[in-house]
């Protein structure tokens, strides 16, 4: 949390306290992964979905479950598999013998926080069932539209290594994730702490030790405050220049969409609020730019063969653009 030597025009004390409490609760079990936790909270405040990528065993699913426990909202978990059908997640119409009418039985997508494990294991037909829910916060079945109760957040995990039995996510779906968070292995110090903590808990993880510190009304209130965070016009231009450069870069085959620009705007405002400021700085924009952009752009085949990554190219783009003062 940043120390600020000025008077905010917006009271952010409640938001900062909630963020601090969420981190404290999650850190009862999770060691390290501070950046992932901060980005997850920022995504919630910016009303965005998150794609979490990492090898098995780095606490992707556990962190998402713990985060949901810090909020008094509905939670559902869906394990994606190759045989999963759209009706398995959005629900289906069932014939009621008593009324002689069809009734719609809601699926697990009707929740507040939806954890989708191994999202890239389901085929395109099932992935497409997520499109409307993720973008428009509603689900249409048999010609009838059902609005989803806010907050509605999809936290999806995928494994970057194992390719057997997986499907590439459509670009239109990737664009609906506000962040892609890549979770790496812990360092030696953190791994030692993980082992020691697990031993001290007698080889068990007690999810009930994590308490709820926020409800749906709090989320709405904090999102309203994030919307009021000030951003100077030259910083709006800075965001536009970064995104525009992804469309005019020889290393990239596909650039970022205007939705990416809006995502950088909303998440940089969320980060500013979390750090106790009612205005955005260039550092806020730099912090969120890479996780916002890296899943929305595609390398040229030549750059892929060279072993380049989208993260490297995005960082080069940011370094080349003059930082506004």
C-alpha atoms as a PDB file:
ATOM      1  CA  UNK A   1       0.000   0.000   0.000  1.00  0.00           C
ATOM      2  CA  UNK A   2       1.439   3.339  -1.018  1.00  0.00           C
ATOM      3  CA  UNK A   3       1.890   6.181   1.412  1.00  0.00           C
ATOM      4  CA  UNK A   4       0.282   9.325   0.065  1.00  0.00           C
ATOM      5  CA  UNK A   5       1.152  12.822   1.163  1.00  0.00           C
ATOM      6  CA  UNK A   6      -1.918  14.555  -0.203  1.00  0.00           C
ATOM      7  CA  UNK A   7      -5.651  14.771   0.411  1.00  0.00           C
ATOM      8  CA  UNK A   8      -7.719  12.514  -1.842  1.00  0.00           C
ATOM      9  CA  UNK A   9     -10.890  13.940  -3.339  1.00  0.00           C
ATOM     10  CA  UNK A  10     -12.418  10.450  -3.102  1.00  0.00           C
ATOM     11  CA  UNK A  11     -12.542   8.530   0.181  1.00  0.00           C
ATOM     12  CA  UNK A  12     -10.669   5.314  -0.607  1.00  0.00           C
ATOM     13  CA  UNK A  13     -10.111   4.164   2.989  1.00  0.00           C
ATOM     14  CA  UNK A  14     -12.885   1.526   2.878  1.00  0.00           C
ATOM     15  CA  UNK A  15     -11.618   0.138  -0.422  1.00  0.00           C
ATOM     16  CA  UNK A  16      -8.006   0.006   0.800  1.00  0.00           C
ATOM     17  CA  UNK A  17      -9.057  -1.724   4.027  1.00  0.00           C
ATOM     18  CA  UNK A  18     -11.039  -4.343   2.078  1.00  0.00           C
ATOM     19  CA  UNK A  19      -8.095  -4.984  -0.271  1.00  0.00           C
ATOM     20  CA  UNK A  20      -5.746  -5.339   2.706  1.00  0.00           C
ATOM     21  CA  UNK A  21      -8.159  -7.746   4.418  1.00  0.00           C
ATOM     22  CA  UNK A  22      -8.533  -9.870   1.251  1.00  0.00           C
ATOM     23  CA  UNK A  23      -4.753 -10.166   0.932  1.00  0.00           C
ATOM     24  CA  UNK A  24      -4.438 -11.095   4.613  1.00  0.00           C
ATOM     25  CA  UNK A  25      -7.090 -13.806   4.339  1.00  0.00           C
ATOM     26  CA  UNK A  26      -5.649 -15.334   1.144  1.00  0.00           C
ATOM     27  CA  UNK A  27      -2.110 -15.198   2.567  1.00  0.00           C
ATOM     28  CA  UNK A  28      -3.199 -17.388   5.489  1.00  0.00           C
ATOM     29  CA  UNK A  29      -2.713 -20.270   3.048  1.00  0.00           C
ATOM     30  CA  UNK A  30      -1.013 -18.911  -0.094  1.00  0.00           C
ATOM     31  CA  UNK A  31       2.696 -18.067   0.099  1.00  0.00           C
ATOM     32  CA  UNK A  32       4.046 -15.513  -2.383  1.00  0.00           C
ATOM     33  CA  UNK A  33       2.062 -14.940  -5.613  1.00  0.00           C
ATOM     34  CA  UNK A  34       1.546 -11.305  -4.506  1.00  0.00           C
ATOM     35  CA  UNK A  35       1.281  -9.976  -8.066  1.00  0.00           C
ATOM     36  CA  UNK A  36      -1.325 -12.586  -9.031  1.00  0.00           C
ATOM     37  CA  UNK A  37      -3.447 -11.723  -5.979  1.00  0.00           C
ATOM     38  CA  UNK A  38      -3.166  -7.985  -6.683  1.00  0.00           C
ATOM     39  CA  UNK A  39      -4.173  -8.455 -10.330  1.00  0.00           C
ATOM     40  CA  UNK A  40      -7.112 -10.690  -9.346  1.00  0.00           C
ATOM     41  CA  UNK A  41      -8.425  -8.034  -6.941  1.00  0.00           C
ATOM     42  CA  UNK A  42      -7.930  -5.323  -9.606  1.00  0.00           C
ATOM     43  CA  UNK A  43      -9.926  -7.435 -12.087  1.00  0.00           C
ATOM     44  CA  UNK A  44     -12.817  -7.737  -9.614  1.00  0.00           C
ATOM     45  CA  UNK A  45     -12.795  -3.964  -9.043  1.00  0.00           C
ATOM     46  CA  UNK A  46     -12.695  -3.401 -12.830  1.00  0.00           C
ATOM     47  CA  UNK A  47     -15.522  -5.921 -13.483  1.00  0.00           C
ATOM     48  CA  UNK A  48     -13.344  -8.209 -15.602  1.00  0.00           C
ATOM     49  CA  UNK A  49     -12.691 -11.915 -16.118  1.00  0.00           C
ATOM     50  CA  UNK A  50      -9.255 -13.493 -15.641  1.00  0.00           C
ATOM     51  CA  UNK A  51      -7.355 -16.285 -17.397  1.00  0.00           C
ATOM     52  CA  UNK A  52      -4.739 -17.869 -15.102  1.00  0.00           C
ATOM     53  CA  UNK A  53      -2.058 -19.921 -16.819  1.00  0.00           C
ATOM     54  CA  UNK A  54       0.534 -22.080 -15.101  1.00  0.00           C
ATOM     55  CA  UNK A  55       1.847 -25.605 -14.717  1.00  0.00           C
ATOM     56  CA  UNK A  56      -0.010 -27.962 -12.345  1.00  0.00           C
ATOM     57  CA  UNK A  57       0.590 -27.491  -8.625  1.00  0.00           C
ATOM     58  CA  UNK A  58       1.305 -23.729  -8.454  1.00  0.00           C
ATOM     59  CA  UNK A  59      -1.982 -22.973  -6.595  1.00  0.00           C
ATOM     60  CA  UNK A  60      -3.952 -21.473  -9.524  1.00  0.00           C
ATOM     61  CA  UNK A  61      -7.241 -23.135  -8.567  1.00  0.00           C
ATOM     62  CA  UNK A  62      -6.622 -22.833  -4.823  1.00  0.00           C
ATOM     63  CA  UNK A  63      -5.985 -19.070  -5.050  1.00  0.00           C
ATOM     64  CA  UNK A  64      -9.184 -18.558  -7.060  1.00  0.00           C
ATOM     65  CA  UNK A  65     -11.185 -20.583  -4.502  1.00  0.00           C
ATOM     66  CA  UNK A  66      -9.679 -18.664  -1.579  1.00  0.00           C
ATOM     67  CA  UNK A  67     -10.409 -15.322  -3.256  1.00  0.00           C
ATOM     68  CA  UNK A  68     -14.053 -16.321  -3.680  1.00  0.00           C
ATOM     69  CA  UNK A  69     -14.237 -17.225   0.025  1.00  0.00           C
ATOM     70  CA  UNK A  70     -13.242 -13.663   0.978  1.00  0.00           C
ATOM     71  CA  UNK A  71     -16.528 -12.463  -0.567  1.00  0.00           C
ATOM     72  CA  UNK A  72     -20.066 -13.323   0.563  1.00  0.00           C
ATOM     73  CA  UNK A  73     -21.239 -14.210  -2.941  1.00  0.00           C
ATOM     74  CA  UNK A  74     -22.277 -17.362  -4.800  1.00  0.00           C
ATOM     75  CA  UNK A  75     -19.452 -19.546  -6.077  1.00  0.00           C
ATOM     76  CA  UNK A  76     -19.466 -22.402  -8.558  1.00  0.00           C
ATOM     77  CA  UNK A  77     -16.717 -24.527 -10.066  1.00  0.00           C
ATOM     78  CA  UNK A  78     -16.868 -26.185 -13.491  1.00  0.00           C
ATOM     79  CA  UNK A  79     -14.331 -28.756 -14.643  1.00  0.00           C
ATOM     80  CA  UNK A  80     -14.064 -28.439 -18.424  1.00  0.00           C
ATOM     81  CA  UNK A  81     -13.686 -31.731 -20.324  1.00  0.00           C
ATOM     82  CA  UNK A  82     -13.817 -32.658 -24.037  1.00  0.00           C
ATOM     83  CA  UNK A  83     -17.333 -34.141 -23.658  1.00  0.00           C
ATOM     84  CA  UNK A  84     -18.817 -31.115 -21.846  1.00  0.00           C
ATOM     85  CA  UNK A  85     -21.869 -29.690 -23.649  1.00  0.00           C
ATOM     86  CA  UNK A  86     -23.231 -26.086 -23.545  1.00  0.00           C
ATOM     87  CA  UNK A  87     -26.324 -27.274 -21.644  1.00  0.00           C
ATOM     88  CA  UNK A  88     -24.041 -28.666 -18.921  1.00  0.00           C
ATOM     89  CA  UNK A  89     -22.923 -25.144 -18.018  1.00  0.00           C
ATOM     90  CA  UNK A  90     -25.832 -22.840 -18.923  1.00  0.00           C
ATOM     91  CA  UNK A  91     -28.673 -25.187 -17.974  1.00  0.00           C
ATOM     92  CA  UNK A  92     -31.483 -26.919 -19.826  1.00  0.00           C
ATOM     93  CA  UNK A  93     -35.279 -26.993 -20.123  1.00  0.00           C
ATOM     94  CA  UNK A  94     -36.889 -29.893 -18.245  1.00  0.00           C
ATOM     95  CA  UNK A  95     -40.477 -31.069 -18.719  1.00  0.00           C
ATOM     96  CA  UNK A  96     -42.544 -30.725 -15.531  1.00  0.00           C
ATOM     97  CA  UNK A  97     -45.186 -33.484 -15.392  1.00  0.00           C
ATOM     98  CA  UNK A  98     -47.257 -31.578 -12.806  1.00  0.00           C
ATOM     99  CA  UNK A  99     -47.672 -28.419 -14.880  1.00  0.00           C
ATOM    100  CA  UNK A 100     -47.202 -30.070 -18.319  1.00  0.00           C
ATOM    101  CA  UNK A 101     -44.767 -27.284 -19.173  1.00  0.00           C
ATOM    102  CA  UNK A 102     -41.043 -26.994 -19.723  1.00  0.00           C
ATOM    103  CA  UNK A 103     -39.071 -25.353 -16.898  1.00  0.00           C
ATOM    104  CA  UNK A 104     -35.582 -23.949 -17.246  1.00  0.00           C
ATOM    105  CA  UNK A 105     -33.097 -25.430 -14.762  1.00  0.00           C
ATOM    106  CA  UNK A 106     -30.149 -23.068 -14.343  1.00  0.00           C
ATOM    107  CA  UNK A 107     -26.641 -24.441 -14.804  1.00  0.00           C
ATOM    108  CA  UNK A 108     -23.502 -23.619 -12.784  1.00  0.00           C
ATOM    109  CA  UNK A 109     -22.788 -20.536 -14.912  1.00  0.00           C
ATOM    110  CA  UNK A 110     -25.582 -18.802 -12.971  1.00  0.00           C
ATOM    111  CA  UNK A 111     -23.365 -17.706 -10.094  1.00  0.00           C
ATOM    112  CA  UNK A 112     -21.267 -14.711  -8.998  1.00  0.00           C
ATOM    113  CA  UNK A 113     -17.770 -16.136  -9.156  1.00  0.00           C
ATOM    114  CA  UNK A 114     -17.379 -19.001 -11.622  1.00  0.00           C
ATOM    115  CA  UNK A 115     -14.132 -20.963 -11.478  1.00  0.00           C
ATOM    116  CA  UNK A 116     -13.524 -22.841 -14.743  1.00  0.00           C
ATOM    117  CA  UNK A 117     -10.776 -25.409 -14.342  1.00  0.00           C
ATOM    118  CA  UNK A 118      -8.750 -26.265 -17.469  1.00  0.00           C
ATOM    119  CA  UNK A 119     -10.852 -24.088 -19.756  1.00  0.00           C
ATOM    120  CA  UNK A 120      -8.936 -25.212 -22.856  1.00  0.00           C
ATOM    121  CA  UNK A 121     -10.161 -28.813 -22.512  1.00  0.00           C
ATOM    122  CA  UNK A 122     -13.679 -28.111 -23.848  1.00  0.00           C
ATOM    123  CA  UNK A 123     -14.476 -27.832 -27.584  1.00  0.00           C
ATOM    124  CA  UNK A 124     -15.548 -24.672 -29.454  1.00  0.00           C
ATOM    125  CA  UNK A 125     -19.277 -25.385 -29.043  1.00  0.00           C
ATOM    126  CA  UNK A 126     -18.970 -25.228 -25.250  1.00  0.00           C
ATOM    127  CA  UNK A 127     -16.586 -22.265 -25.354  1.00  0.00           C
ATOM    128  CA  UNK A 128     -19.119 -20.319 -27.438  1.00  0.00           C
ATOM    129  CA  UNK A 129     -21.701 -20.758 -24.670  1.00  0.00           C
ATOM    130  CA  UNK A 130     -19.509 -18.497 -22.520  1.00  0.00           C
ATOM    131  CA  UNK A 131     -19.384 -15.602 -25.019  1.00  0.00           C
ATOM    132  CA  UNK A 132     -22.713 -13.948 -24.192  1.00  0.00           C
ATOM    133  CA  UNK A 133     -22.345 -14.484 -20.437  1.00  0.00           C
ATOM    134  CA  UNK A 134     -18.823 -13.006 -20.299  1.00  0.00           C
ATOM    135  CA  UNK A 135     -19.558  -9.953 -22.447  1.00  0.00           C
ATOM    136  CA  UNK A 136     -23.216  -9.098 -21.854  1.00  0.00           C
ATOM    137  CA  UNK A 137     -23.695 -10.620 -18.376  1.00  0.00           C
ATOM    138  CA  UNK A 138     -26.755 -12.514 -19.570  1.00  0.00           C
ATOM    139  CA  UNK A 139     -27.685 -15.965 -20.929  1.00  0.00           C
ATOM    140  CA  UNK A 140     -30.261 -16.601 -23.661  1.00  0.00           C
ATOM    141  CA  UNK A 141     -31.943 -20.023 -23.783  1.00  0.00           C
ATOM    142  CA  UNK A 142     -34.898 -20.981 -26.027  1.00  0.00           C
ATOM    143  CA  UNK A 143     -35.423 -17.346 -26.953  1.00  0.00           C
ATOM    144  CA  UNK A 144     -35.614 -16.122 -23.357  1.00  0.00           C
ATOM    145  CA  UNK A 145     -32.902 -13.950 -21.812  1.00  0.00           C
ATOM    146  CA  UNK A 146     -31.813 -14.385 -18.192  1.00  0.00           C
ATOM    147  CA  UNK A 147     -29.684 -11.563 -16.708  1.00  0.00           C
ATOM    148  CA  UNK A 148     -26.807 -12.686 -14.478  1.00  0.00           C
ATOM    149  CA  UNK A 149     -26.719 -11.295 -10.936  1.00  0.00           C
ATOM    150  CA  UNK A 150     -23.753  -8.952 -10.405  1.00  0.00           C
ATOM    151  CA  UNK A 151     -20.960  -9.353  -9.663  1.00  0.00           C
ATOM    152  CA  UNK A 152     -20.344 -11.947 -12.383  1.00  0.00           C
ATOM    153  CA  UNK A 153     -16.687 -12.935 -12.743  1.00  0.00           C
ATOM    154  CA  UNK A 154     -15.139 -15.871 -14.614  1.00  0.00           C
ATOM    155  CA  UNK A 155     -11.792 -17.088 -13.254  1.00  0.00           C
ATOM    156  CA  UNK A 156     -10.408 -19.661 -15.704  1.00  0.00           C
ATOM    157  CA  UNK A 157      -7.265 -21.780 -15.427  1.00  0.00           C
ATOM    158  CA  UNK A 158      -5.233 -23.528 -18.093  1.00  0.00           C
ATOM    159  CA  UNK A 159      -2.008 -25.531 -18.328  1.00  0.00           C
ATOM    160  CA  UNK A 160       0.464 -24.170 -20.941  1.00  0.00           C
ATOM    161  CA  UNK A 161       2.467 -27.383 -21.240  1.00  0.00           C
ATOM    162  CA  UNK A 162       0.052 -30.268 -21.769  1.00  0.00           C
ATOM    163  CA  UNK A 163      -1.428 -30.153 -25.293  1.00  0.00           C
ATOM    164  CA  UNK A 164      -3.105 -33.573 -25.539  1.00  0.00           C
ATOM    165  CA  UNK A 165      -6.879 -33.276 -25.304  1.00  0.00           C
ATOM    166  CA  UNK A 166      -6.848 -29.463 -25.338  1.00  0.00           C
ATOM    167  CA  UNK A 167      -8.330 -26.911 -27.746  1.00  0.00           C
ATOM    168  CA  UNK A 168      -7.028 -23.469 -28.639  1.00  0.00           C
ATOM    169  CA  UNK A 169      -9.306 -20.777 -27.194  1.00  0.00           C
ATOM    170  CA  UNK A 170     -10.960 -18.600 -29.878  1.00  0.00           C
ATOM    171  CA  UNK A 171      -9.458 -15.100 -30.188  1.00  0.00           C
ATOM    172  CA  UNK A 172     -12.897 -13.567 -29.546  1.00  0.00           C
ATOM    173  CA  UNK A 173     -13.018 -15.378 -26.219  1.00  0.00           C
ATOM    174  CA  UNK A 174      -9.464 -14.480 -25.202  1.00  0.00           C
ATOM    175  CA  UNK A 175     -10.366 -10.833 -25.830  1.00  0.00           C
ATOM    176  CA  UNK A 176     -13.089 -11.122 -23.186  1.00  0.00           C
ATOM    177  CA  UNK A 177     -10.538 -11.808 -20.446  1.00  0.00           C
ATOM    178  CA  UNK A 178      -9.350  -8.544 -18.900  1.00  0.00           C
ATOM    179  CA  UNK A 179      -6.078 -10.154 -17.719  1.00  0.00           C
ATOM    180  CA  UNK A 180      -3.980 -13.179 -18.494  1.00  0.00           C
ATOM    181  CA  UNK A 181      -1.920 -13.974 -15.413  1.00  0.00           C
ATOM    182  CA  UNK A 182       1.020 -16.322 -15.846  1.00  0.00           C
ATOM    183  CA  UNK A 183       1.900 -18.104 -12.606  1.00  0.00           C
ATOM    184  CA  UNK A 184       5.505 -19.244 -12.289  1.00  0.00           C
ATOM    185  CA  UNK A 185       7.189 -21.613  -9.850  1.00  0.00           C
ATOM    186  CA  UNK A 186       7.877 -20.148  -6.371  1.00  0.00           C
ATOM    187  CA  UNK A 187      11.441 -19.142  -5.533  1.00  0.00           C
ATOM    188  CA  UNK A 188      13.514 -21.200  -3.070  1.00  0.00           C
ATOM    189  CA  UNK A 189      12.578 -19.046  -0.051  1.00  0.00           C
ATOM    190  CA  UNK A 190       8.837 -19.211  -0.792  1.00  0.00           C
ATOM    191  CA  UNK A 191       8.969 -22.945  -1.493  1.00  0.00           C
ATOM    192  CA  UNK A 192      10.642 -23.528   1.872  1.00  0.00           C
ATOM    193  CA  UNK A 193       7.835 -21.539   3.548  1.00  0.00           C
ATOM    194  CA  UNK A 194       5.171 -23.515   1.632  1.00  0.00           C
ATOM    195  CA  UNK A 195       6.592 -26.811   2.904  1.00  0.00           C
ATOM    196  CA  UNK A 196       7.003 -25.516   6.483  1.00  0.00           C
ATOM    197  CA  UNK A 197       3.459 -24.066   6.572  1.00  0.00           C
ATOM    198  CA  UNK A 198       1.956 -27.288   5.207  1.00  0.00           C
ATOM    199  CA  UNK A 199       3.842 -29.272   7.842  1.00  0.00           C
ATOM    200  CA  UNK A 200       2.696 -26.950  10.652  1.00  0.00           C
ATOM    201  CA  UNK A 201      -0.931 -27.409   9.508  1.00  0.00           C
ATOM    202  CA  UNK A 202      -0.450 -31.189   9.845  1.00  0.00           C
ATOM    203  CA  UNK A 203      -0.501 -31.828   6.085  1.00  0.00           C
ATOM    204  CA  UNK A 204      -3.931 -30.268   5.506  1.00  0.00           C
ATOM    205  CA  UNK A 205      -5.388 -27.075   4.041  1.00  0.00           C
ATOM    206  CA  UNK A 206      -8.298 -25.644   6.030  1.00  0.00           C
ATOM    207  CA  UNK A 207     -10.328 -23.460   3.665  1.00  0.00           C
ATOM    208  CA  UNK A 208     -12.657 -22.579   6.561  1.00  0.00           C
ATOM    209  CA  UNK A 209      -9.866 -20.512   8.118  1.00  0.00           C
ATOM    210  CA  UNK A 210     -10.404 -17.940   5.344  1.00  0.00           C
ATOM    211  CA  UNK A 211     -13.111 -15.438   6.319  1.00  0.00           C
ATOM    212  CA  UNK A 212     -15.449 -13.336   4.209  1.00  0.00           C
ATOM    213  CA  UNK A 213     -14.548  -9.624   4.300  1.00  0.00           C
ATOM    214  CA  UNK A 214     -16.726  -8.218   1.507  1.00  0.00           C
ATOM    215  CA  UNK A 215     -20.208  -8.690   0.033  1.00  0.00           C
ATOM    216  CA  UNK A 216     -21.856  -7.928  -3.324  1.00  0.00           C
ATOM    217  CA  UNK A 217     -22.908  -4.416  -2.221  1.00  0.00           C
ATOM    218  CA  UNK A 218     -19.322  -3.638  -1.205  1.00  0.00           C
ATOM    219  CA  UNK A 219     -18.087  -4.741  -4.637  1.00  0.00           C
ATOM    220  CA  UNK A 220     -20.595  -2.415  -6.337  1.00  0.00           C
ATOM    221  CA  UNK A 221     -19.653   0.491  -4.063  1.00  0.00           C
ATOM    222  CA  UNK A 222     -15.909   0.000  -4.664  1.00  0.00           C
ATOM    223  CA  UNK A 223     -16.438  -0.301  -8.427  1.00  0.00           C
ATOM    224  CA  UNK A 224     -18.302   3.019  -8.369  1.00  0.00           C
ATOM    225  CA  UNK A 225     -15.320   4.619  -6.606  1.00  0.00           C
ATOM    226  CA  UNK A 226     -12.896   3.142  -9.157  1.00  0.00           C
ATOM    227  CA  UNK A 227     -15.030   4.694 -11.903  1.00  0.00           C
ATOM    228  CA  UNK A 228     -14.465   8.123 -10.317  1.00  0.00           C
ATOM    229  CA  UNK A 229     -10.646   7.845 -10.318  1.00  0.00           C
ATOM    230  CA  UNK A 230      -9.140  10.702 -12.339  1.00  0.00           C
ATOM    231  CA  UNK A 231      -6.925  10.174 -15.388  1.00  0.00           C
ATOM    232  CA  UNK A 232      -5.232  13.011 -17.293  1.00  0.00           C
ATOM    233  CA  UNK A 233      -5.811  13.342 -21.043  1.00  0.00           C
ATOM    234  CA  UNK A 234      -2.104  12.798 -21.806  1.00  0.00           C
ATOM    235  CA  UNK A 235      -2.290   9.440 -20.009  1.00  0.00           C
ATOM    236  CA  UNK A 236      -5.315   8.455 -22.104  1.00  0.00           C
ATOM    237  CA  UNK A 237      -3.162   9.249 -25.161  1.00  0.00           C
ATOM    238  CA  UNK A 238      -0.368   7.137 -23.637  1.00  0.00           C
ATOM    239  CA  UNK A 239      -2.724   4.128 -23.414  1.00  0.00           C
ATOM    240  CA  UNK A 240      -3.865   4.678 -27.015  1.00  0.00           C
ATOM    241  CA  UNK A 241      -0.242   4.844 -28.247  1.00  0.00           C
ATOM    242  CA  UNK A 242       0.672   1.557 -26.530  1.00  0.00           C
ATOM    243  CA  UNK A 243      -2.296  -0.290 -28.025  1.00  0.00           C
ATOM    244  CA  UNK A 244      -1.847   1.341 -31.438  1.00  0.00           C
ATOM    245  CA  UNK A 245       1.770   0.168 -31.552  1.00  0.00           C
ATOM    246  CA  UNK A 246       0.640  -3.456 -31.202  1.00  0.00           C
ATOM    247  CA  UNK A 247      -1.150  -3.016 -34.553  1.00  0.00           C
ATOM    248  CA  UNK A 248       1.918  -1.529 -36.252  1.00  0.00           C
ATOM    249  CA  UNK A 249       4.640  -3.861 -35.032  1.00  0.00           C
ATOM    250  CA  UNK A 250       6.595  -6.106 -37.389  1.00  0.00           C
ATOM    251  CA  UNK A 251       6.790  -8.831 -34.728  1.00  0.00           C
ATOM    252  CA  UNK A 252       3.008  -9.094 -34.314  1.00  0.00           C
ATOM    253  CA  UNK A 253       0.564 -10.719 -36.719  1.00  0.00           C
ATOM    254  CA  UNK A 254      -2.491  -9.614 -34.707  1.00  0.00           C
ATOM    255  CA  UNK A 255      -2.725  -6.404 -32.675  1.00  0.00           C
ATOM    256  CA  UNK A 256      -4.932  -5.548 -29.697  1.00  0.00           C
ATOM    257  CA  UNK A 257      -8.537  -4.361 -30.006  1.00  0.00           C
ATOM    258  CA  UNK A 258     -10.139  -1.183 -28.594  1.00  0.00           C
ATOM    259  CA  UNK A 259     -11.462  -3.430 -25.812  1.00  0.00           C
ATOM    260  CA  UNK A 260      -7.813  -3.775 -24.722  1.00  0.00           C
ATOM    261  CA  UNK A 261      -7.496   0.031 -24.459  1.00  0.00           C
ATOM    262  CA  UNK A 262     -10.589   0.180 -22.241  1.00  0.00           C
ATOM    263  CA  UNK A 263      -9.251  -2.694 -20.141  1.00  0.00           C
ATOM    264  CA  UNK A 264      -5.966  -0.853 -19.525  1.00  0.00           C
ATOM    265  CA  UNK A 265      -7.961   2.246 -18.546  1.00  0.00           C
ATOM    266  CA  UNK A 266     -10.265   0.483 -16.064  1.00  0.00           C
ATOM    267  CA  UNK A 267      -7.592  -1.715 -14.486  1.00  0.00           C
ATOM    268  CA  UNK A 268      -5.077   1.136 -14.114  1.00  0.00           C
ATOM    269  CA  UNK A 269      -7.800   3.084 -12.263  1.00  0.00           C
ATOM    270  CA  UNK A 270      -8.401   0.040 -10.039  1.00  0.00           C
ATOM    271  CA  UNK A 271      -4.669  -0.261  -9.261  1.00  0.00           C
ATOM    272  CA  UNK A 272      -4.491   3.480  -8.454  1.00  0.00           C
ATOM    273  CA  UNK A 273      -7.414   3.124  -6.016  1.00  0.00           C
ATOM    274  CA  UNK A 274      -5.837   0.027  -4.415  1.00  0.00           C
ATOM    275  CA  UNK A 275      -2.647   2.024  -3.888  1.00  0.00           C
ATOM    276  CA  UNK A 276      -4.518   4.861  -2.208  1.00  0.00           C
ATOM    277  CA  UNK A 277      -4.598   7.442  -5.004  1.00  0.00           C
ATOM    278  CA  UNK A 278      -7.567   9.065  -6.714  1.00  0.00           C
ATOM    279  CA  UNK A 279      -5.574   9.569  -9.927  1.00  0.00           C
ATOM    280  CA  UNK A 280      -3.739   7.317 -12.392  1.00  0.00           C
ATOM    281  CA  UNK A 281       0.037   7.472 -12.927  1.00  0.00           C
ATOM    282  CA  UNK A 282       2.123   6.088 -15.833  1.00  0.00           C
ATOM    283  CA  UNK A 283       3.379   3.347 -13.470  1.00  0.00           C
ATOM    284  CA  UNK A 284      -0.199   2.099 -12.987  1.00  0.00           C
ATOM    285  CA  UNK A 285      -0.596   1.830 -16.763  1.00  0.00           C
ATOM    286  CA  UNK A 286       2.757   0.035 -17.156  1.00  0.00           C
ATOM    287  CA  UNK A 287       1.839  -2.416 -14.376  1.00  0.00           C
ATOM    288  CA  UNK A 288      -1.378  -3.578 -16.076  1.00  0.00           C
ATOM    289  CA  UNK A 289      -0.405  -3.220 -19.772  1.00  0.00           C
ATOM    290  CA  UNK A 290       1.365  -6.587 -20.150  1.00  0.00           C
ATOM    291  CA  UNK A 291      -1.291  -8.811 -18.471  1.00  0.00           C
ATOM    292  CA  UNK A 292      -3.992  -6.930 -20.430  1.00  0.00           C
ATOM    293  CA  UNK A 293      -2.278  -7.279 -23.804  1.00  0.00           C
ATOM    294  CA  UNK A 294      -0.279 -10.518 -23.917  1.00  0.00           C
ATOM    295  CA  UNK A 295      -3.217 -12.839 -24.698  1.00  0.00           C
ATOM    296  CA  UNK A 296      -4.777 -10.424 -27.188  1.00  0.00           C
ATOM    297  CA  UNK A 297      -1.861 -10.227 -29.631  1.00  0.00           C
ATOM    298  CA  UNK A 298      -0.294 -12.895 -31.846  1.00  0.00           C
ATOM    299  CA  UNK A 299       3.322 -13.232 -32.924  1.00  0.00           C
ATOM    300  CA  UNK A 300       4.252 -13.598 -36.586  1.00  0.00           C
ATOM    301  CA  UNK A 301       5.268 -17.181 -37.518  1.00  0.00           C
ATOM    302  CA  UNK A 302       8.881 -15.989 -37.912  1.00  0.00           C
ATOM    303  CA  UNK A 303       9.009 -14.592 -34.368  1.00  0.00           C
ATOM    304  CA  UNK A 304       7.403 -17.739 -32.975  1.00  0.00           C
ATOM    305  CA  UNK A 305      10.085 -19.857 -34.644  1.00  0.00           C
ATOM    306  CA  UNK A 306      12.750 -17.592 -33.125  1.00  0.00           C
ATOM    307  CA  UNK A 307      11.335 -18.348 -29.684  1.00  0.00           C
ATOM    308  CA  UNK A 308      10.078 -14.825 -28.959  1.00  0.00           C
ATOM    309  CA  UNK A 309       7.105 -14.276 -26.629  1.00  0.00           C
ATOM    310  CA  UNK A 310       4.272 -11.746 -26.697  1.00  0.00           C
ATOM    311  CA  UNK A 311       5.403 -10.533 -23.246  1.00  0.00           C
ATOM    312  CA  UNK A 312       8.842  -9.607 -24.621  1.00  0.00           C
ATOM    313  CA  UNK A 313       7.360  -7.740 -27.592  1.00  0.00           C
ATOM    314  CA  UNK A 314       4.893  -5.811 -25.403  1.00  0.00           C
ATOM    315  CA  UNK A 315       7.673  -4.765 -23.017  1.00  0.00           C
ATOM    316  CA  UNK A 316       9.727  -3.548 -26.003  1.00  0.00           C
ATOM    317  CA  UNK A 317       6.739  -1.503 -27.222  1.00  0.00           C
ATOM    318  CA  UNK A 318       6.263   0.086 -23.768  1.00  0.00           C
ATOM    319  CA  UNK A 319       9.979   0.926 -23.491  1.00  0.00           C
ATOM    320  CA  UNK A 320       9.980   2.697 -26.870  1.00  0.00           C
ATOM    321  CA  UNK A 321       7.048   4.999 -26.080  1.00  0.00           C
ATOM    322  CA  UNK A 322       7.956   8.162 -24.211  1.00  0.00           C
ATOM    323  CA  UNK A 323       6.456   8.203 -20.720  1.00  0.00           C
ATOM    324  CA  UNK A 324       4.307  11.335 -20.214  1.00  0.00           C
ATOM    325  CA  UNK A 325       5.227  13.564 -17.270  1.00  0.00           C
END
